[in-house]
């Protein structure tokens, strides 16, 4: 999903 896709969340990070 694209909940917090604002910062640098391309490959890692919580993809909720």
PDB file of N, CA and C in Angstrom:
ATOM      1  N   UNK A   1       0.826  -1.210   0.000  1.00  0.00           N
ATOM      2  CA  UNK A   1       0.000   0.000   0.000  1.00  0.00           C
ATOM      3  C   UNK A   1       0.861   1.261   0.000  1.00  0.00           C
ATOM      4  N   UNK A   2       0.238   2.381  -0.191  1.00  0.00           N
ATOM      5  CA  UNK A   2       0.993   3.633  -0.188  1.00  0.00           C
ATOM      6  C   UNK A   2       0.413   4.585   0.840  1.00  0.00           C
ATOM      7  N   UNK A   3       0.697   4.278   2.101  1.00  0.00           N
ATOM      8  CA  UNK A   3       0.149   5.102   3.166  1.00  0.00           C
ATOM      9  C   UNK A   3       1.098   6.259   3.492  1.00  0.00           C
ATOM     10  N   UNK A   4       2.366   5.878   3.769  1.00  0.00           N
ATOM     11  CA  UNK A   4       3.339   6.919   4.082  1.00  0.00           C
ATOM     12  C   UNK A   4       4.360   7.023   2.964  1.00  0.00           C
ATOM     13  N   UNK A   5       3.904   7.090   1.753  1.00  0.00           N
ATOM     14  CA  UNK A   5       4.845   7.179   0.642  1.00  0.00           C
ATOM     15  C   UNK A   5       5.123   8.639   0.320  1.00  0.00           C
ATOM     16  N   UNK A   6       5.705   9.325   1.283  1.00  0.00           N
ATOM     17  CA  UNK A   6       6.024  10.720   1.077  1.00  0.00           C
ATOM     18  C   UNK A   6       7.525  10.946   1.236  1.00  0.00           C
ATOM     19  N   UNK A   7       8.090  10.261   2.240  1.00  0.00           N
ATOM     20  CA  UNK A   7       9.525  10.425   2.486  1.00  0.00           C
ATOM     21  C   UNK A   7      10.328   9.511   1.571  1.00  0.00           C
ATOM     22  N   UNK A   8      11.389   8.900   2.132  1.00  0.00           N
ATOM     23  CA  UNK A   8      12.212   8.014   1.309  1.00  0.00           C
ATOM     24  C   UNK A   8      11.808   6.568   1.572  1.00  0.00           C
ATOM     25  N   UNK A   9      10.611   6.232   1.246  1.00  0.00           N
ATOM     26  CA  UNK A   9      10.145   4.855   1.467  1.00  0.00           C
ATOM     27  C   UNK A   9      10.021   4.146   0.128  1.00  0.00           C
ATOM     28  N   UNK A  10      11.174   3.865  -0.471  1.00  0.00           N
ATOM     29  CA  UNK A  10      11.144   3.221  -1.773  1.00  0.00           C
ATOM     30  C   UNK A  10      11.240   1.705  -1.624  1.00  0.00           C
ATOM     31  N   UNK A  11      12.349   1.269  -1.015  1.00  0.00           N
ATOM     32  CA  UNK A  11      12.543  -0.173  -0.897  1.00  0.00           C
ATOM     33  C   UNK A  11      12.255  -0.656   0.520  1.00  0.00           C
ATOM     34  N   UNK A  12      12.705   0.115   1.495  1.00  0.00           N
ATOM     35  CA  UNK A  12      12.490  -0.279   2.881  1.00  0.00           C
ATOM     36  C   UNK A  12      11.488   0.653   3.559  1.00  0.00           C
ATOM     37  N   UNK A  13      11.133   0.315   4.776  1.00  0.00           N
ATOM     38  CA  UNK A  13      10.159   1.138   5.482  1.00  0.00           C
ATOM     39  C   UNK A  13       8.821   0.443   5.567  1.00  0.00           C
ATOM     40  N   UNK A  14       7.967   0.870   6.484  1.00  0.00           N
ATOM     41  CA  UNK A  14       6.643   0.279   6.675  1.00  0.00           C
ATOM     42  C   UNK A  14       5.722   0.539   5.496  1.00  0.00           C
ATOM     43  N   UNK A  15       5.571  -0.446   4.642  1.00  0.00           N
ATOM     44  CA  UNK A  15       4.677  -0.274   3.488  1.00  0.00           C
ATOM     45  C   UNK A  15       3.262  -0.702   3.870  1.00  0.00           C
ATOM     46  N   UNK A  16       2.647   0.062   4.700  1.00  0.00           N
ATOM     47  CA  UNK A  16       1.302  -0.294   5.137  1.00  0.00           C
ATOM     48  C   UNK A  16       0.271   0.280   4.174  1.00  0.00           C
TER      49      UNK A  16
END
